[in-house]
Amino acid sequence: LQLVESGGGLVQPGGSLRLSCVASGYTLYYYAIGW
């Protein structure tokens, strides 16, 4: 199982951002995922 994050960056206070965690090599269904 490999995990790759994306979506980070610079944002102003009050703004929004969405991070993604994409899994490969194994189905993510069986796993709890923590940030």
PDB file of all heavy atoms in Angstrom:
ATOM      1  N   LEU A   1       0.839  -1.193   0.000  1.00  0.00           N
ATOM      2  CA  LEU A   1       0.000   0.000   0.000  1.00  0.00           C
ATOM      3  C   LEU A   1       0.878   1.250   0.000  1.00  0.00           C
ATOM      4  O   LEU A   1       1.811   1.375   0.786  1.00  0.00           O
ATOM      5  CB  LEU A   1      -0.906   0.018   1.224  1.00  0.00           C
ATOM      6  CG  LEU A   1      -1.773   1.269   1.417  1.00  0.00           C
ATOM      7  CD1 LEU A   1      -2.832   1.353   0.326  1.00  0.00           C
ATOM      8  CD2 LEU A   1      -2.407   1.269   2.801  1.00  0.00           C
ATOM      9  N   GLN A   2       0.554   2.174  -0.877  1.00  0.00           N
ATOM     10  CA  GLN A   2       1.226   3.458  -0.943  1.00  0.00           C
ATOM     11  C   GLN A   2       0.198   4.574  -0.893  1.00  0.00           C
ATOM     12  O   GLN A   2      -0.887   4.451  -1.475  1.00  0.00           O
ATOM     13  CB  GLN A   2       2.065   3.581  -2.213  1.00  0.00           C
ATOM     14  CG  GLN A   2       3.253   2.636  -2.271  1.00  0.00           C
ATOM     15  CD  GLN A   2       4.045   2.783  -3.540  1.00  0.00           C
ATOM     16  OE1 GLN A   2       3.503   2.686  -4.640  1.00  0.00           O
ATOM     17  NE2 GLN A   2       5.340   3.039  -3.396  1.00  0.00           N
ATOM     18  N   LEU A   3       0.535   5.650  -0.202  1.00  0.00           N
ATOM     19  CA  LEU A   3      -0.347   6.788  -0.058  1.00  0.00           C
ATOM     20  C   LEU A   3       0.349   8.041  -0.567  1.00  0.00           C
ATOM     21  O   LEU A   3       1.525   8.261  -0.280  1.00  0.00           O
ATOM     22  CB  LEU A   3      -0.740   6.999   1.409  1.00  0.00           C
ATOM     23  CG  LEU A   3      -1.418   5.830   2.125  1.00  0.00           C
ATOM     24  CD1 LEU A   3      -1.619   6.167   3.596  1.00  0.00           C
ATOM     25  CD2 LEU A   3      -2.754   5.511   1.469  1.00  0.00           C
ATOM     26  N   VAL A   4      -0.380   8.855  -1.296  1.00  0.00           N
ATOM     27  CA  VAL A   4       0.149  10.099  -1.828  1.00  0.00           C
ATOM     28  C   VAL A   4      -0.833  11.220  -1.543  1.00  0.00           C
ATOM     29  O   VAL A   4      -1.993  11.155  -1.961  1.00  0.00           O
ATOM     30  CB  VAL A   4       0.413  10.008  -3.341  1.00  0.00           C
ATOM     31  CG1 VAL A   4       0.918  11.355  -3.865  1.00  0.00           C
ATOM     32  CG2 VAL A   4       1.433   8.921  -3.641  1.00  0.00           C
ATOM     33  N   GLU A   5      -0.365  12.248  -0.842  1.00  0.00           N
ATOM     34  CA  GLU A   5      -1.190  13.413  -0.543  1.00  0.00           C
ATOM     35  C   GLU A   5      -1.004  14.483  -1.610  1.00  0.00           C
ATOM     36  O   GLU A   5       0.056  14.586  -2.229  1.00  0.00           O
ATOM     37  CB  GLU A   5      -0.834  14.019   0.821  1.00  0.00           C
ATOM     38  CG  GLU A   5      -0.913  13.056   1.984  1.00  0.00           C
ATOM     39  CD  GLU A   5       0.430  12.451   2.324  1.00  0.00           C
ATOM     40  OE1 GLU A   5       1.302  12.344   1.425  1.00  0.00           O
ATOM     41  OE2 GLU A   5       0.626  12.083   3.503  1.00  0.00           O
ATOM     42  N   SER A   6      -2.032  15.286  -1.783  1.00  0.00           N
ATOM     43  CA  SER A   6      -1.956  16.434  -2.669  1.00  0.00           C
ATOM     44  C   SER A   6      -2.982  17.464  -2.215  1.00  0.00           C
ATOM     45  O   SER A   6      -3.839  17.177  -1.384  1.00  0.00           O
ATOM     46  CB  SER A   6      -2.203  16.038  -4.125  1.00  0.00           C
ATOM     47  OG  SER A   6      -3.515  15.526  -4.306  1.00  0.00           O
ATOM     48  N   GLY A   7      -2.890  18.657  -2.759  1.00  0.00           N
ATOM     49  CA  GLY A   7      -3.865  19.697  -2.481  1.00  0.00           C
ATOM     50  C   GLY A   7      -3.398  20.789  -1.547  1.00  0.00           C
ATOM     51  O   GLY A   7      -4.135  21.754  -1.308  1.00  0.00           O
ATOM     52  N   GLY A   8      -2.211  20.664  -1.005  1.00  0.00           N
ATOM     53  CA  GLY A   8      -1.695  21.693  -0.135  1.00  0.00           C
ATOM     54  C   GLY A   8      -1.335  22.946  -0.910  1.00  0.00           C
ATOM     55  O   GLY A   8      -1.308  22.962  -2.137  1.00  0.00           O
ATOM     56  N   GLY A   9      -1.071  24.008  -0.175  1.00  0.00           N
ATOM     57  CA  GLY A   9      -0.712  25.258  -0.800  1.00  0.00           C
ATOM     58  C   GLY A   9      -0.849  26.417   0.152  1.00  0.00           C
ATOM     59  O   GLY A   9      -0.988  26.240   1.361  1.00  0.00           O
ATOM     60  N   LEU A  10      -0.814  27.605  -0.405  1.00  0.00           N
ATOM     61  CA  LEU A  10      -0.935  28.843   0.357  1.00  0.00           C
ATOM     62  C   LEU A  10      -2.357  29.368   0.258  1.00  0.00           C
ATOM     63  O   LEU A  10      -2.909  29.492  -0.846  1.00  0.00           O
ATOM     64  CB  LEU A  10       0.051  29.886  -0.174  1.00  0.00           C
ATOM     65  CG  LEU A  10      -0.015  31.277   0.442  1.00  0.00           C
ATOM     66  CD1 LEU A  10       0.352  31.234   1.921  1.00  0.00           C
ATOM     67  CD2 LEU A  10       0.906  32.219  -0.313  1.00  0.00           C
ATOM     68  N   VAL A  11      -2.946  29.680   1.399  1.00  0.00           N
ATOM     69  CA  VAL A  11      -4.306  30.193   1.436  1.00  0.00           C
ATOM     70  C   VAL A  11      -4.404  31.278   2.504  1.00  0.00           C
ATOM     71  O   VAL A  11      -3.685  31.239   3.506  1.00  0.00           O
ATOM     72  CB  VAL A  11      -5.317  29.056   1.700  1.00  0.00           C
ATOM     73  CG1 VAL A  11      -5.098  28.444   3.074  1.00  0.00           C
ATOM     74  CG2 VAL A  11      -6.746  29.536   1.533  1.00  0.00           C
ATOM     75  N   GLN A  12      -5.270  32.246   2.292  1.00  0.00           N
ATOM     76  CA  GLN A  12      -5.467  33.312   3.267  1.00  0.00           C
ATOM     77  C   GLN A  12      -6.338  32.847   4.425  1.00  0.00           C
ATOM     78  O   GLN A  12      -7.141  31.925   4.271  1.00  0.00           O
ATOM     79  CB  GLN A  12      -6.106  34.528   2.602  1.00  0.00           C
ATOM     80  CG  GLN A  12      -5.225  35.208   1.570  1.00  0.00           C
ATOM     81  CD  GLN A  12      -5.842  36.483   1.024  1.00  0.00           C
ATOM     82  OE1 GLN A  12      -6.971  36.830   1.360  1.00  0.00           O
ATOM     83  NE2 GLN A  12      -5.099  37.175   0.182  1.00  0.00           N
ATOM     84  N   PRO A  13      -6.177  33.457   5.602  1.00  0.00           N
ATOM     85  CA  PRO A  13      -7.068  33.120   6.721  1.00  0.00           C
ATOM     86  C   PRO A  13      -8.525  33.239   6.310  1.00  0.00           C
ATOM     87  O   PRO A  13      -8.919  34.192   5.631  1.00  0.00           O
ATOM     88  CB  PRO A  13      -6.690  34.147   7.781  1.00  0.00           C
ATOM     89  CG  PRO A  13      -5.269  34.487   7.483  1.00  0.00           C
ATOM     90  CD  PRO A  13      -5.166  34.459   5.985  1.00  0.00           C
ATOM     91  N   GLY A  14      -9.322  32.266   6.728  1.00  0.00           N
ATOM     92  CA  GLY A  14     -10.719  32.218   6.344  1.00  0.00           C
ATOM     93  C   GLY A  14     -10.976  31.469   5.062  1.00  0.00           C
ATOM     94  O   GLY A  14     -12.146  31.192   4.732  1.00  0.00           O
ATOM     95  N   GLY A  15      -9.930  31.129   4.352  1.00  0.00           N
ATOM     96  CA  GLY A  15     -10.066  30.419   3.099  1.00  0.00           C
ATOM     97  C   GLY A  15     -10.242  28.928   3.285  1.00  0.00           C
ATOM     98  O   GLY A  15     -10.288  28.416   4.405  1.00  0.00           O
ATOM     99  N   SER A  16     -10.325  28.228   2.162  1.00  0.00           N
ATOM    100  CA  SER A  16     -10.568  26.797   2.165  1.00  0.00           C
ATOM    101  C   SER A  16      -9.552  26.071   1.304  1.00  0.00           C
ATOM    102  O   SER A  16      -8.977  26.641   0.367  1.00  0.00           O
ATOM    103  CB  SER A  16     -11.976  26.483   1.644  1.00  0.00           C
ATOM    104  OG  SER A  16     -12.971  27.046   2.466  1.00  0.00           O
ATOM    105  N   LEU A  17      -9.363  24.815   1.622  1.00  0.00           N
ATOM    106  CA  LEU A  17      -8.450  23.960   0.888  1.00  0.00           C
ATOM    107  C   LEU A  17      -8.952  22.532   1.023  1.00  0.00           C
ATOM    108  O   LEU A  17      -9.498  22.157   2.069  1.00  0.00           O
ATOM    109  CB  LEU A  17      -7.043  24.089   1.461  1.00  0.00           C
ATOM    110  CG  LEU A  17      -5.818  24.005   0.549  1.00  0.00           C
ATOM    111  CD1 LEU A  17      -5.895  25.032  -0.572  1.00  0.00           C
ATOM    112  CD2 LEU A  17      -4.552  24.225   1.362  1.00  0.00           C
ATOM    113  N   ARG A  18      -8.790  21.740  -0.017  1.00  0.00           N
ATOM    114  CA  ARG A  18      -9.148  20.329   0.053  1.00  0.00           C
ATOM    115  C   ARG A  18      -7.936  19.467  -0.226  1.00  0.00           C
ATOM    116  O   ARG A  18      -7.332  19.553  -1.301  1.00  0.00           O
ATOM    117  CB  ARG A  18     -10.265  19.973  -0.937  1.00  0.00           C
ATOM    118  CG  ARG A  18     -10.807  18.555  -0.722  1.00  0.00           C
ATOM    119  CD  ARG A  18     -11.910  18.171  -1.690  1.00  0.00           C
ATOM    120  NE  ARG A  18     -11.390  17.864  -3.018  1.00  0.00           N
ATOM    121  CZ  ARG A  18     -12.055  17.164  -3.941  1.00  0.00           C
ATOM    122  NH1 ARG A  18     -13.276  16.702  -3.670  1.00  0.00           N
ATOM    123  NH2 ARG A  18     -11.505  16.945  -5.127  1.00  0.00           N
ATOM    124  N   LEU A  19      -7.586  18.647   0.744  1.00  0.00           N
ATOM    125  CA  LEU A  19      -6.486  17.719   0.598  1.00  0.00           C
ATOM    126  C   LEU A  19      -7.002  16.364   0.125  1.00  0.00           C
ATOM    127  O   LEU A  19      -8.102  15.953   0.482  1.00  0.00           O
ATOM    128  CB  LEU A  19      -5.740  17.539   1.916  1.00  0.00           C
ATOM    129  CG  LEU A  19      -5.220  18.811   2.600  1.00  0.00           C
ATOM    130  CD1 LEU A  19      -4.436  18.433   3.848  1.00  0.00           C
ATOM    131  CD2 LEU A  19      -4.368  19.640   1.649  1.00  0.00           C
ATOM    132  N   SER A  20      -6.197  15.684  -0.664  1.00  0.00           N
ATOM    133  CA  SER A  20      -6.527  14.351  -1.137  1.00  0.00           C
ATOM    134  C   SER A  20      -5.451  13.366  -0.714  1.00  0.00           C
ATOM    135  O   SER A  20      -4.272  13.707  -0.671  1.00  0.00           O
ATOM    136  CB  SER A  20      -6.655  14.327  -2.662  1.00  0.00           C
ATOM    137  OG  SER A  20      -7.702  15.161  -3.112  1.00  0.00           O
ATOM    138  N   CYS A  21      -5.879  12.168  -0.399  1.00  0.00           N
ATOM    139  CA  CYS A  21      -4.977  11.072  -0.074  1.00  0.00           C
ATOM    140  C   CYS A  21      -5.359   9.910  -0.970  1.00  0.00           C
ATOM    141  O   CYS A  21      -6.423   9.308  -0.794  1.00  0.00           O
ATOM    142  CB  CYS A  21      -5.109  10.701   1.408  1.00  0.00           C
ATOM    143  SG  CYS A  21      -4.132   9.279   1.928  1.00  0.00           S
ATOM    144  N   VAL A  22      -4.515   9.611  -1.937  1.00  0.00           N
ATOM    145  CA  VAL A  22      -4.804   8.581  -2.928  1.00  0.00           C
ATOM    146  C   VAL A  22      -3.967   7.347  -2.639  1.00  0.00           C
ATOM    147  O   VAL A  22      -2.744   7.441  -2.484  1.00  0.00           O
ATOM    148  CB  VAL A  22      -4.528   9.086  -4.353  1.00  0.00           C
ATOM    149  CG1 VAL A  22      -4.840   7.991  -5.369  1.00  0.00           C
ATOM    150  CG2 VAL A  22      -5.353  10.326  -4.648  1.00  0.00           C
ATOM    151  N   ALA A  23      -4.624   6.201  -2.590  1.00  0.00           N
ATOM    152  CA  ALA A  23      -3.947   4.944  -2.307  1.00  0.00           C
ATOM    153  C   ALA A  23      -3.716   4.154  -3.589  1.00  0.00           C
ATOM    154  O   ALA A  23      -4.507   4.206  -4.528  1.00  0.00           O
ATOM    155  CB  ALA A  23      -4.763   4.106  -1.332  1.00  0.00           C
ATOM    156  N   SER A  24      -2.630   3.414  -3.604  1.00  0.00           N
ATOM    157  CA  SER A  24      -2.340   2.500  -4.694  1.00  0.00           C
ATOM    158  C   SER A  24      -1.736   1.229  -4.122  1.00  0.00           C
ATOM    159  O   SER A  24      -1.208   1.224  -3.013  1.00  0.00           O
ATOM    160  CB  SER A  24      -1.384   3.134  -5.714  1.00  0.00           C
ATOM    161  OG  SER A  24      -0.130   3.442  -5.121  1.00  0.00           O
ATOM    162  N   GLY A  25      -1.819   0.155  -4.881  1.00  0.00           N
ATOM    163  CA  GLY A  25      -1.245  -1.114  -4.462  1.00  0.00           C
ATOM    164  C   GLY A  25      -2.164  -1.980  -3.624  1.00  0.00           C
ATOM    165  O   GLY A  25      -1.897  -3.176  -3.461  1.00  0.00           O
ATOM    166  N   TYR A  26      -3.215  -1.405  -3.083  1.00  0.00           N
ATOM    167  CA  TYR A  26      -4.168  -2.132  -2.266  1.00  0.00           C
ATOM    168  C   TYR A  26      -5.425  -1.284  -2.129  1.00  0.00           C
ATOM    169  O   TYR A  26      -5.346  -0.047  -2.112  1.00  0.00           O
ATOM    170  CB  TYR A  26      -3.584  -2.449  -0.889  1.00  0.00           C
ATOM    171  CG  TYR A  26      -4.288  -3.566  -0.155  1.00  0.00           C
ATOM    172  CD1 TYR A  26      -3.965  -4.894  -0.405  1.00  0.00           C
ATOM    173  CD2 TYR A  26      -5.263  -3.291   0.794  1.00  0.00           C
ATOM    174  CE1 TYR A  26      -4.602  -5.917   0.268  1.00  0.00           C
ATOM    175  CE2 TYR A  26      -5.908  -4.315   1.472  1.00  0.00           C
ATOM    176  CZ  TYR A  26      -5.575  -5.623   1.211  1.00  0.00           C
ATOM    177  OH  TYR A  26      -6.206  -6.638   1.885  1.00  0.00           O
ATOM    178  N   THR A  27      -6.569  -1.938  -2.003  1.00  0.00           N
ATOM    179  CA  THR A  27      -7.809  -1.183  -1.873  1.00  0.00           C
ATOM    180  C   THR A  27      -7.861  -0.454  -0.543  1.00  0.00           C
ATOM    181  O   THR A  27      -7.496  -0.985   0.502  1.00  0.00           O
ATOM    182  CB  THR A  27      -9.031  -2.099  -2.007  1.00  0.00           C
ATOM    183  OG1 THR A  27     -10.219  -1.330  -1.816  1.00  0.00           O
ATOM    184  CG2 THR A  27      -8.992  -3.220  -0.977  1.00  0.00           C
ATOM    185  N   LEU A  28      -8.314   0.786  -0.583  1.00  0.00           N
ATOM    186  CA  LEU A  28      -8.413   1.601   0.612  1.00  0.00           C
ATOM    187  C   LEU A  28      -9.603   1.219   1.476  1.00  0.00           C
ATOM    188  O   LEU A  28      -9.695   1.638   2.627  1.00  0.00           O
ATOM    189  CB  LEU A  28      -8.501   3.077   0.213  1.00  0.00           C
ATOM    190  CG  LEU A  28      -7.981   4.120   1.192  1.00  0.00           C
ATOM    191  CD1 LEU A  28      -6.523   3.883   1.514  1.00  0.00           C
ATOM    192  CD2 LEU A  28      -8.186   5.517   0.613  1.00  0.00           C
ATOM    193  N   TYR A  29     -10.501   0.412   0.932  1.00  0.00           N
ATOM    194  CA  TYR A  29     -11.737   0.055   1.631  1.00  0.00           C
ATOM    195  C   TYR A  29     -11.480  -0.496   3.031  1.00  0.00           C
ATOM    196  O   TYR A  29     -12.216  -0.189   3.973  1.00  0.00           O
ATOM    197  CB  TYR A  29     -12.517  -0.963   0.806  1.00  0.00           C
ATOM    198  CG  TYR A  29     -13.701  -1.565   1.529  1.00  0.00           C
ATOM    199  CD1 TYR A  29     -14.922  -0.902   1.579  1.00  0.00           C
ATOM    200  CD2 TYR A  29     -13.593  -2.798   2.169  1.00  0.00           C
ATOM    201  CE1 TYR A  29     -16.006  -1.450   2.237  1.00  0.00           C
ATOM    202  CE2 TYR A  29     -14.679  -3.353   2.831  1.00  0.00           C
ATOM    203  CZ  TYR A  29     -15.878  -2.675   2.856  1.00  0.00           C
ATOM    204  OH  TYR A  29     -16.959  -3.226   3.517  1.00  0.00           O
ATOM    205  N   TYR A  30     -10.455  -1.326   3.176  1.00  0.00           N
ATOM    206  CA  TYR A  30     -10.219  -2.022   4.440  1.00  0.00           C
ATOM    207  C   TYR A  30      -9.544  -1.160   5.502  1.00  0.00           C
ATOM    208  O   TYR A  30      -9.494  -1.553   6.666  1.00  0.00           O
ATOM    209  CB  TYR A  30      -9.369  -3.269   4.199  1.00  0.00           C
ATOM    210  CG  TYR A  30     -10.083  -4.321   3.380  1.00  0.00           C
ATOM    211  CD1 TYR A  30      -9.858  -4.439   2.010  1.00  0.00           C
ATOM    212  CD2 TYR A  30     -10.988  -5.178   3.977  1.00  0.00           C
ATOM    213  CE1 TYR A  30     -10.525  -5.396   1.253  1.00  0.00           C
ATOM    214  CE2 TYR A  30     -11.656  -6.143   3.231  1.00  0.00           C
ATOM    215  CZ  TYR A  30     -11.416  -6.243   1.877  1.00  0.00           C
ATOM    216  OH  TYR A  30     -12.074  -7.194   1.133  1.00  0.00           O
ATOM    217  N   TYR A  31      -9.062  -0.011   5.118  1.00  0.00           N
ATOM    218  CA  TYR A  31      -8.244   0.791   6.017  1.00  0.00           C
ATOM    219  C   TYR A  31      -8.982   1.972   6.609  1.00  0.00           C
ATOM    220  O   TYR A  31      -9.764   2.652   5.936  1.00  0.00           O
ATOM    221  CB  TYR A  31      -7.011   1.318   5.284  1.00  0.00           C
ATOM    222  CG  TYR A  31      -5.961   0.275   5.019  1.00  0.00           C
ATOM    223  CD1 TYR A  31      -5.939  -0.418   3.821  1.00  0.00           C
ATOM    224  CD2 TYR A  31      -4.979  -0.001   5.966  1.00  0.00           C
ATOM    225  CE1 TYR A  31      -4.977  -1.374   3.577  1.00  0.00           C
ATOM    226  CE2 TYR A  31      -4.011  -0.953   5.721  1.00  0.00           C
ATOM    227  CZ  TYR A  31      -4.013  -1.637   4.529  1.00  0.00           C
ATOM    228  OH  TYR A  31      -3.058  -2.578   4.283  1.00  0.00           O
ATOM    229  N   ALA A  32      -8.715   2.220   7.881  1.00  0.00           N
ATOM    230  CA  ALA A  32      -8.996   3.520   8.454  1.00  0.00           C
ATOM    231  C   ALA A  32      -7.916   4.487   7.974  1.00  0.00           C
ATOM    232  O   ALA A  32      -6.745   4.115   7.888  1.00  0.00           O
ATOM    233  CB  ALA A  32      -9.002   3.448   9.980  1.00  0.00           C
ATOM    234  N   ILE A  33      -8.314   5.696   7.655  1.00  0.00           N
ATOM    235  CA  ILE A  33      -7.369   6.695   7.177  1.00  0.00           C
ATOM    236  C   ILE A  33      -7.391   7.899   8.108  1.00  0.00           C
ATOM    237  O   ILE A  33      -8.445   8.503   8.326  1.00  0.00           O
ATOM    238  CB  ILE A  33      -7.678   7.152   5.744  1.00  0.00           C
ATOM    239  CG1 ILE A  33      -7.637   5.956   4.783  1.00  0.00           C
ATOM    240  CG2 ILE A  33      -6.692   8.234   5.298  1.00  0.00           C
ATOM    241  CD1 ILE A  33      -6.266   5.308   4.661  1.00  0.00           C
ATOM    242  N   GLY A  34      -6.237   8.207   8.645  1.00  0.00           N
ATOM    243  CA  GLY A  34      -6.103   9.361   9.517  1.00  0.00           C
ATOM    244  C   GLY A  34      -5.304  10.463   8.851  1.00  0.00           C
ATOM    245  O   GLY A  34      -4.413  10.202   8.039  1.00  0.00           O
ATOM    246  N   TRP A  35      -5.647  11.685   9.191  1.00  0.00           N
ATOM    247  CA  TRP A  35      -4.866  12.859   8.787  1.00  0.00           C
ATOM    248  C   TRP A  35      -4.140  13.394  10.002  1.00  0.00           C
ATOM    249  O   TRP A  35      -4.746  13.575  11.070  1.00  0.00           O
ATOM    250  CB  TRP A  35      -5.749  13.949   8.192  1.00  0.00           C
ATOM    251  CG  TRP A  35      -6.206  13.692   6.791  1.00  0.00           C
ATOM    252  CD1 TRP A  35      -7.398  13.169   6.392  1.00  0.00           C
ATOM    253  CD2 TRP A  35      -5.472  13.960   5.596  1.00  0.00           C
ATOM    254  NE1 TRP A  35      -7.453  13.096   5.023  1.00  0.00           N
ATOM    255  CE2 TRP A  35      -6.286  13.570   4.509  1.00  0.00           C
ATOM    256  CE3 TRP A  35      -4.205  14.492   5.335  1.00  0.00           C
ATOM    257  CZ2 TRP A  35      -5.869  13.700   3.178  1.00  0.00           C
ATOM    258  CZ3 TRP A  35      -3.789  14.611   4.017  1.00  0.00           C
ATOM    259  CH2 TRP A  35      -4.625  14.219   2.962  1.00  0.00           C
TER     260      TRP A  35
END
